[in-house]
Amino acid sequence: MMTCRTGVVVSLGRQWTGAQEMTVDVPDTGHVRALAYPQLVGDVRPGDTVVLNTTALDRGLGTGGYALVVSATTTAPPRRTPGPGHLVKARYTPLQAMVLGVDEQDSPHHDTLRDADDLHAMPVVVADLHSALPAIVAGARHQAQLDGRLLTIAYVMTDGGALPAWFSRTVATLRETGWLDTCITVGQAFGGDHDAVTLHSGLLAAHHVTGADLTIVTQGPGNLGTGTRWGFSGVATGEAVNATTTLRGRPVASLRISGADPRERHRGISHHSTTAYGRVALTPADVVVPHLAPAAHLFDTPHAAADLDTLVTTQARALADAPPHHTLVTVDTTPELADALTRTPAALSTMGRGLHEDPAAFLATAAAGVHAARLAAHRRDHP
């Protein structure tokens, strides 16, 4: 059931590409923080009466603390002449949106993608959480700088979390600062620089349309989990490995690792990673195992890094020993790599913890970026 309330916009707050924060006065509730997507509901101004979807907010779920603007009753909704494109995203919901798909007939890229079937060994880093994105980019850029190279990096956002890419301040910041070259939204997700029907066509667009040297695949903000073996949105990471292999790309599996999560199933390598890569992925990937000891200065004690190294190495071994027999690739998390993480333009935060609260989480994903950049360099040198 959807819960809606009506209120009056008191003031506008931060805005970024595709999104506008505001404070709304709701009767019997007081001031509520809300978020609007102007491309869906038009430009909202102080004094406007707005209808808010408060379903997740009322339950204290992970919407970033926002009510979401469904409509602004004193602002004319965007009335545009229908343009090209017939891909409907968020289908059959009241806010379904029609976009031009990079892979559809009206797209200028249709001829390029019509028979495209090969990623030509492009490395594809697969990660569970959206919070991995800036760390992977930081690791890839760090390695590229060491190699004296430039990297074109694409992000393919799947629909396991937020559907609008506009919700992500991380994507907006990485795009605005030039750390990320393009965002492609696939499945029911929308609002990227390009939209695509499937993960497969999104990956092909990253390679053939944007010329990406490497691509990162993860869900949008808002991981969903139920505390059960199979009821979590990160299951899709295993499917992303399969899609990459099907298209003859080079899958790089980023591990979800934590040294601070109080839940036993997420200590060391999360069961999300072991289940998705060990049970869902049917083809082998490069599983990047970070060697954490070189970055021990980020941990509470040097022993904490060493102990976590031992645990992670033991857990990772199972991913190599059983089908599909992934290849374990150890990457040193050097002090220089740790320093690169402190310079990301987008804030590092996962499950409410930053770099100094849970360094292993970000070092692990940055290590995957390092390995992918090395693969991209080798691919350039040996086409």
Protein backbone atom coordinates (compact mmCIF):
# COMPACT_ATOMS: atom_id res chain seq x y z
CA MET A 1 0.00 0.00 0.00
CA MET A 2 1.23 3.50 -0.84
CA THR A 3 0.98 6.18 1.85
CA CYS A 4 0.62 9.76 0.61
CA ARG A 5 0.43 13.11 2.39
CA THR A 6 -0.05 16.65 1.18
CA GLY A 7 2.04 19.61 2.28
CA VAL A 8 3.35 23.01 1.29
CA VAL A 9 6.94 23.62 0.15
CA VAL A 10 8.66 25.88 2.69
CA SER A 11 12.10 26.14 1.12
CA LEU A 12 14.40 24.55 -1.42
CA GLY A 13 17.63 22.82 -0.44
CA ARG A 14 20.49 21.20 -2.31
CA GLN A 15 20.10 20.24 -5.92
CA TRP A 16 22.14 18.06 -8.25
CA THR A 17 21.62 16.61 -11.69
CA GLY A 18 18.00 15.48 -11.93
CA ALA A 19 17.07 16.01 -8.26
CA GLN A 20 15.91 18.81 -5.97
CA GLU A 21 15.76 18.73 -2.16
CA MET A 22 13.14 20.74 -0.29
CA THR A 23 11.49 21.18 3.08
CA VAL A 24 7.73 20.58 3.13
CA ASP A 25 5.33 21.55 5.91
CA VAL A 26 2.92 18.64 6.40
CA PRO A 27 -0.16 19.15 8.62
CA ASP A 28 -0.03 17.23 11.92
CA THR A 29 3.57 16.22 11.16
CA GLY A 30 5.67 19.34 10.77
CA HIS A 31 8.58 19.87 8.46
CA VAL A 32 9.57 16.91 6.27
CA ARG A 33 12.61 16.59 4.04
CA ALA A 34 11.49 15.76 0.50
CA LEU A 35 13.04 15.05 -2.88
CA ALA A 36 11.63 15.84 -6.32
CA TYR A 37 12.74 14.73 -9.77
CA PRO A 38 11.96 17.76 -11.96
CA GLN A 39 12.03 15.71 -15.15
CA LEU A 40 9.09 13.72 -13.77
CA VAL A 41 7.07 16.30 -11.79
CA GLY A 42 8.28 19.66 -13.11
CA ASP A 43 10.10 22.45 -11.27
CA VAL A 44 8.79 22.86 -7.73
CA ARG A 45 8.84 26.25 -5.98
CA PRO A 46 8.34 27.48 -2.41
CA GLY A 47 4.64 27.89 -1.75
CA ASP A 48 3.65 25.00 -4.02
CA THR A 49 1.34 22.35 -2.65
CA VAL A 50 2.85 18.91 -3.19
CA VAL A 51 1.68 15.35 -2.83
CA LEU A 52 4.31 13.24 -1.09
CA ASN A 53 4.84 9.50 -1.09
CA THR A 54 5.86 8.81 2.52
CA THR A 55 5.57 5.02 2.45
CA ALA A 56 9.22 4.19 3.09
CA LEU A 57 9.82 7.26 5.25
CA ASP A 58 7.00 6.27 7.59
CA ARG A 59 8.59 2.85 8.05
CA GLY A 60 12.09 4.25 8.57
CA LEU A 61 13.41 2.50 5.46
CA GLY A 62 16.43 3.53 3.44
CA THR A 63 15.21 6.35 1.24
CA GLY A 64 17.90 8.70 2.48
CA GLY A 65 15.35 10.14 4.90
CA TYR A 66 13.21 11.61 2.14
CA ALA A 67 9.58 11.81 1.29
CA LEU A 68 9.25 11.68 -2.51
CA VAL A 69 7.26 14.24 -4.50
CA VAL A 70 4.54 12.58 -6.57
CA SER A 71 3.05 15.79 -7.96
CA ALA A 72 2.99 19.51 -7.40
CA THR A 73 -0.60 20.67 -7.57
CA THR A 74 0.20 24.35 -8.12
CA THR A 75 3.00 23.70 -10.57
CA ALA A 76 2.21 22.63 -14.08
CA PRO A 77 3.75 19.22 -14.69
CA PRO A 78 6.26 18.99 -17.50
CA ARG A 79 4.33 19.02 -20.76
CA ARG A 80 6.67 18.18 -23.57
CA THR A 81 6.05 17.26 -27.14
CA PRO A 82 6.58 13.51 -27.32
CA GLY A 83 10.09 12.88 -28.53
CA PRO A 84 11.80 9.86 -29.96
CA GLY A 85 11.95 6.70 -27.93
CA HIS A 86 9.44 4.20 -26.67
CA LEU A 87 11.20 2.53 -23.73
CA VAL A 88 8.93 2.80 -20.71
CA LYS A 89 10.73 2.58 -17.37
CA ALA A 90 9.06 2.06 -13.98
CA ARG A 91 6.38 0.48 -16.14
CA TYR A 92 2.73 0.62 -15.12
CA THR A 93 3.41 2.74 -12.07
CA PRO A 94 1.89 6.25 -11.78
CA LEU A 95 5.31 7.78 -12.52
CA GLN A 96 6.28 5.62 -15.48
CA ALA A 97 8.63 7.50 -17.78
CA MET A 98 9.29 7.12 -21.48
CA VAL A 99 12.92 7.36 -22.60
CA LEU A 100 14.98 6.89 -25.72
CA GLY A 101 16.88 3.64 -25.36
CA VAL A 102 20.41 3.54 -26.69
CA ASP A 103 19.54 0.19 -28.25
CA GLU A 104 16.12 0.93 -29.77
CA GLN A 105 15.23 1.69 -33.37
CA ASP A 106 15.03 5.49 -33.02
CA SER A 107 18.45 5.70 -31.41
CA PRO A 108 21.38 6.97 -33.47
CA HIS A 109 23.29 4.03 -31.98
CA HIS A 110 20.87 1.36 -33.12
CA ASP A 111 22.95 0.35 -36.13
CA THR A 112 26.02 0.04 -33.91
CA LEU A 113 24.24 -2.17 -31.39
CA ARG A 114 21.92 -4.14 -33.67
CA ASP A 115 24.37 -6.98 -34.19
CA ALA A 116 26.87 -6.17 -31.42
CA ASP A 117 27.75 -9.31 -29.53
CA ASP A 118 31.25 -8.94 -28.13
CA LEU A 119 32.92 -6.87 -25.40
CA HIS A 120 36.36 -7.83 -26.71
CA ALA A 121 37.70 -8.65 -23.23
CA MET A 122 36.67 -5.31 -21.71
CA PRO A 123 37.06 -5.65 -17.93
CA VAL A 124 33.76 -5.39 -16.06
CA VAL A 125 33.92 -4.87 -12.30
CA VAL A 126 30.86 -6.30 -10.55
CA ALA A 127 29.94 -5.09 -7.06
CA ASP A 128 27.10 -5.65 -4.64
CA LEU A 129 26.54 -2.22 -3.11
CA HIS A 130 26.22 1.18 -4.81
CA SER A 131 28.64 2.52 -2.17
CA ALA A 132 31.39 0.51 -3.86
CA LEU A 133 31.27 2.75 -6.95
CA PRO A 134 33.52 5.67 -5.88
CA ALA A 135 36.10 3.35 -4.33
CA ILE A 136 36.33 1.22 -7.48
CA VAL A 137 36.75 4.37 -9.56
CA ALA A 138 39.42 5.65 -7.15
CA GLY A 139 41.35 2.39 -7.39
CA ALA A 140 41.17 2.32 -11.18
CA ARG A 141 42.25 5.94 -11.53
CA HIS A 142 45.10 5.43 -9.06
CA GLN A 143 46.47 2.52 -11.07
CA ALA A 144 46.02 4.38 -14.36
CA GLN A 145 48.01 7.31 -12.99
CA LEU A 146 50.81 4.96 -11.91
CA ASP A 147 50.82 3.59 -15.47
CA GLY A 148 50.73 7.07 -17.02
CA ARG A 149 47.45 6.34 -18.79
CA LEU A 150 43.99 7.82 -19.10
CA LEU A 151 40.93 5.66 -18.51
CA THR A 152 37.41 5.97 -19.84
CA ILE A 153 35.13 4.52 -17.17
CA ALA A 154 31.46 3.66 -17.62
CA TYR A 155 28.97 2.81 -14.90
CA VAL A 156 26.06 0.48 -15.68
CA MET A 157 23.38 0.92 -13.01
CA THR A 158 21.03 -2.01 -12.53
CA ASP A 159 17.57 -1.84 -10.99
CA GLY A 160 18.15 -3.66 -7.70
CA GLY A 161 18.03 -0.42 -5.71
CA ALA A 162 16.88 3.05 -6.73
CA LEU A 163 15.37 3.23 -10.19
CA PRO A 164 16.19 6.89 -11.01
CA ALA A 165 19.93 7.48 -11.40
CA TRP A 166 19.07 11.04 -10.33
CA PHE A 167 18.73 9.81 -6.74
CA SER A 168 22.47 9.17 -6.55
CA ARG A 169 24.56 12.15 -5.43
CA THR A 170 27.55 9.84 -5.92
CA VAL A 171 26.90 9.46 -9.65
CA ALA A 172 26.19 13.18 -10.05
CA THR A 173 29.43 14.12 -8.26
CA LEU A 174 31.59 11.61 -10.12
CA ARG A 175 30.16 12.77 -13.45
CA GLU A 176 30.55 16.47 -12.67
CA THR A 177 34.17 16.07 -11.57
CA GLY A 178 35.13 13.93 -14.56
CA TRP A 179 35.89 10.85 -12.45
CA LEU A 180 33.17 8.92 -14.29
CA ASP A 181 32.63 9.28 -18.03
CA THR A 182 29.13 7.92 -18.45
CA CYS A 183 26.21 6.32 -16.62
CA ILE A 184 24.01 3.78 -18.37
CA THR A 185 20.77 2.74 -16.70
CA VAL A 186 19.36 -0.71 -17.52
CA GLY A 187 16.30 -2.80 -16.79
CA GLN A 188 13.73 -0.68 -14.95
CA ALA A 189 16.37 1.89 -13.92
CA PHE A 190 16.39 5.18 -15.84
CA GLY A 191 17.91 8.65 -15.93
CA GLY A 192 21.46 7.81 -17.01
CA ASP A 193 23.34 9.40 -19.88
CA HIS A 194 22.02 6.41 -21.83
CA ASP A 195 19.17 4.04 -21.08
CA ALA A 196 19.19 0.42 -22.22
CA VAL A 197 16.72 -2.45 -22.16
CA THR A 198 18.93 -5.06 -20.51
CA LEU A 199 22.22 -5.41 -18.70
CA HIS A 200 23.59 -7.10 -21.82
CA SER A 201 22.75 -4.20 -24.14
CA GLY A 202 23.95 -1.74 -21.49
CA LEU A 203 27.33 -3.45 -21.35
CA LEU A 204 27.55 -3.49 -25.15
CA ALA A 205 26.70 0.23 -25.21
CA ALA A 206 29.46 0.91 -22.68
CA HIS A 207 31.97 -0.72 -25.02
CA HIS A 208 30.71 0.12 -28.51
CA VAL A 209 29.02 3.49 -27.92
CA THR A 210 30.99 5.16 -25.12
CA GLY A 211 34.35 3.49 -25.78
CA ALA A 212 34.84 2.57 -22.14
CA ASP A 213 38.14 1.00 -21.16
CA LEU A 214 36.42 -0.59 -18.18
CA THR A 215 32.89 -0.74 -16.87
CA ILE A 216 31.49 -1.00 -13.36
CA VAL A 217 28.17 -2.76 -12.70
CA THR A 218 26.26 -2.34 -9.48
CA GLN A 219 22.76 -1.50 -8.32
CA GLY A 220 21.58 2.00 -7.56
CA PRO A 221 21.39 3.30 -3.97
CA GLY A 222 19.18 1.32 -1.63
CA ASN A 223 20.35 -2.26 -1.18
CA LEU A 224 17.51 -4.62 -0.25
CA GLY A 225 18.08 -7.50 2.16
CA THR A 226 15.85 -9.73 4.26
CA GLY A 227 18.34 -11.67 6.40
CA THR A 228 17.64 -14.81 4.36
CA ARG A 229 20.01 -16.81 2.18
CA TRP A 230 18.49 -15.70 -1.12
CA GLY A 231 16.39 -12.64 -0.35
CA PHE A 232 18.81 -9.84 -1.19
CA SER A 233 19.25 -7.69 -4.27
CA GLY A 234 22.97 -8.49 -4.48
CA VAL A 235 22.12 -11.89 -5.97
CA ALA A 236 22.25 -10.01 -9.27
CA THR A 237 26.05 -9.71 -9.06
CA GLY A 238 26.32 -13.36 -10.00
CA GLU A 239 24.07 -12.77 -13.01
CA ALA A 240 26.29 -9.82 -14.02
CA VAL A 241 29.29 -12.17 -14.08
CA ASN A 242 27.33 -14.50 -16.36
CA ALA A 243 26.29 -11.65 -18.68
CA THR A 244 29.87 -10.39 -18.95
CA THR A 245 31.18 -13.83 -19.84
CA THR A 246 28.38 -14.42 -22.35
CA LEU A 247 29.47 -11.25 -24.16
CA ARG A 248 33.15 -12.22 -23.98
CA GLY A 249 34.07 -9.57 -21.47
CA ARG A 250 36.44 -10.03 -18.54
CA PRO A 251 34.45 -10.26 -15.28
CA VAL A 252 36.14 -8.88 -12.17
CA ALA A 253 34.31 -9.81 -8.97
CA SER A 254 34.58 -7.21 -6.23
CA LEU A 255 34.13 -8.69 -2.77
CA ARG A 256 31.86 -7.17 -0.16
CA ILE A 257 34.13 -7.22 2.90
CA SER A 258 33.72 -5.74 6.36
CA GLY A 259 35.74 -5.70 9.52
CA ALA A 260 33.17 -3.63 11.39
CA ASP A 261 29.73 -5.03 10.58
CA PRO A 262 28.25 -6.51 13.77
CA ARG A 263 26.35 -9.17 11.81
CA GLU A 264 28.30 -12.41 11.59
CA ARG A 265 27.09 -13.16 8.05
CA HIS A 266 28.79 -9.97 6.82
CA ARG A 267 32.10 -10.35 8.70
CA GLY A 268 35.07 -10.80 6.43
CA ILE A 269 33.56 -11.70 3.08
CA SER A 270 29.81 -11.15 3.21
CA HIS A 271 27.55 -14.08 2.45
CA HIS A 272 26.16 -11.82 -0.30
CA SER A 273 29.43 -12.27 -2.19
CA THR A 274 29.91 -15.95 -1.41
CA THR A 275 26.34 -16.77 -2.43
CA ALA A 276 26.27 -14.66 -5.60
CA TYR A 277 29.71 -15.66 -6.86
CA GLY A 278 29.67 -19.19 -5.47
CA ARG A 279 26.12 -20.25 -6.35
CA VAL A 280 24.67 -17.83 -8.95
CA ALA A 281 27.70 -17.19 -11.15
CA LEU A 282 28.05 -20.11 -13.54
CA THR A 283 31.25 -18.90 -15.20
CA PRO A 284 34.63 -18.07 -13.63
CA ALA A 285 35.67 -14.52 -12.80
CA ASP A 286 38.73 -12.85 -11.37
CA VAL A 287 37.87 -12.56 -7.67
CA VAL A 288 39.98 -9.75 -6.22
CA VAL A 289 41.23 -10.49 -2.72
CA PRO A 290 42.72 -7.43 -1.00
CA HIS A 291 45.91 -7.78 1.02
CA LEU A 292 45.01 -5.39 3.83
CA ALA A 293 48.20 -5.39 5.93
CA PRO A 294 50.00 -2.68 3.88
CA ALA A 295 47.15 -0.28 4.79
CA ALA A 296 47.18 -1.27 8.47
CA HIS A 297 47.44 2.40 9.49
CA LEU A 298 43.74 2.77 8.67
CA PHE A 299 42.76 0.06 11.16
CA ASP A 300 42.47 0.34 14.93
CA THR A 301 45.51 -1.91 15.32
CA PRO A 302 47.94 -3.60 12.88
CA HIS A 303 46.70 -6.91 14.25
CA ALA A 304 43.16 -6.06 13.11
CA ALA A 305 44.29 -5.84 9.48
CA ALA A 306 46.34 -9.04 9.75
CA ASP A 307 43.50 -10.98 11.39
CA LEU A 308 41.04 -9.83 8.73
CA ASP A 309 43.55 -10.80 6.01
CA THR A 310 43.64 -14.33 7.40
CA LEU A 311 39.85 -14.59 7.60
CA VAL A 312 39.27 -13.20 4.09
CA THR A 313 41.92 -15.43 2.52
CA THR A 314 40.34 -18.51 4.09
CA GLN A 315 36.84 -17.52 2.98
CA ALA A 316 37.96 -16.67 -0.56
CA ARG A 317 39.62 -20.03 -1.03
CA ALA A 318 36.19 -21.67 -1.19
CA LEU A 319 35.35 -19.57 -4.27
CA ALA A 320 38.35 -21.05 -6.09
CA ASP A 321 37.95 -24.62 -4.88
CA ALA A 322 34.35 -25.14 -6.01
CA PRO A 323 32.75 -24.68 -9.46
CA PRO A 324 32.92 -22.46 -11.40
CA HIS A 325 36.46 -22.24 -9.93
CA HIS A 326 37.06 -18.50 -9.84
CA THR A 327 40.59 -17.19 -10.11
CA LEU A 328 41.76 -15.46 -6.93
CA VAL A 329 43.79 -12.32 -7.61
CA THR A 330 45.56 -10.75 -4.62
CA VAL A 331 46.05 -6.98 -4.76
CA ASP A 332 48.12 -5.10 -2.19
CA THR A 333 46.21 -2.21 -0.62
CA THR A 334 49.22 0.09 -0.45
CA PRO A 335 49.37 3.31 1.61
CA GLU A 336 49.20 5.18 -1.71
CA LEU A 337 45.95 3.41 -2.60
CA ALA A 338 44.57 4.21 0.84
CA ASP A 339 45.51 7.85 0.28
CA ALA A 340 43.73 7.81 -3.08
CA LEU A 341 40.54 6.84 -1.27
CA THR A 342 40.74 9.96 0.89
CA ARG A 343 40.68 12.13 -2.24
CA THR A 344 37.50 10.86 -3.85
CA PRO A 345 35.12 13.72 -4.71
CA ALA A 346 32.12 11.61 -3.67
CA ALA A 347 31.74 10.73 0.00
CA LEU A 348 32.68 7.19 1.02
CA SER A 349 29.96 5.62 3.13
CA THR A 350 28.67 2.06 3.35
CA MET A 351 26.01 0.89 5.77
CA GLY A 352 26.50 4.19 7.63
CA ARG A 353 30.26 3.69 8.03
CA GLY A 354 33.03 5.74 6.43
CA LEU A 355 36.61 4.93 5.49
CA HIS A 356 37.96 5.11 9.02
CA GLU A 357 35.07 3.15 10.52
CA ASP A 358 35.35 0.24 8.07
CA PRO A 359 38.47 0.61 5.89
CA ALA A 360 38.34 -2.98 4.63
CA ALA A 361 35.07 -2.32 2.78
CA PHE A 362 36.58 0.41 0.64
CA LEU A 363 40.05 -1.09 0.27
CA ALA A 364 38.49 -4.26 -1.11
CA THR A 365 36.50 -2.45 -3.79
CA ALA A 366 39.39 -0.13 -4.63
CA ALA A 367 41.57 -3.22 -5.14
CA ALA A 368 39.08 -4.48 -7.72
CA GLY A 369 39.44 -1.15 -9.54
CA VAL A 370 43.23 -1.55 -9.49
CA HIS A 371 43.02 -5.00 -11.06
CA ALA A 372 40.53 -3.86 -13.70
CA ALA A 373 42.80 -0.95 -14.69
CA ARG A 374 45.71 -3.35 -15.09
CA LEU A 375 43.58 -5.58 -17.31
CA ALA A 376 42.50 -2.55 -19.36
CA ALA A 377 46.14 -1.54 -19.86
CA HIS A 378 47.09 -5.05 -20.95
CA ARG A 379 44.13 -5.13 -23.34
CA ARG A 380 45.31 -1.89 -24.94
CA ASP A 381 48.86 -3.12 -25.29
CA HIS A 382 47.81 -6.54 -26.61
CA PRO A 383 44.63 -5.99 -28.65
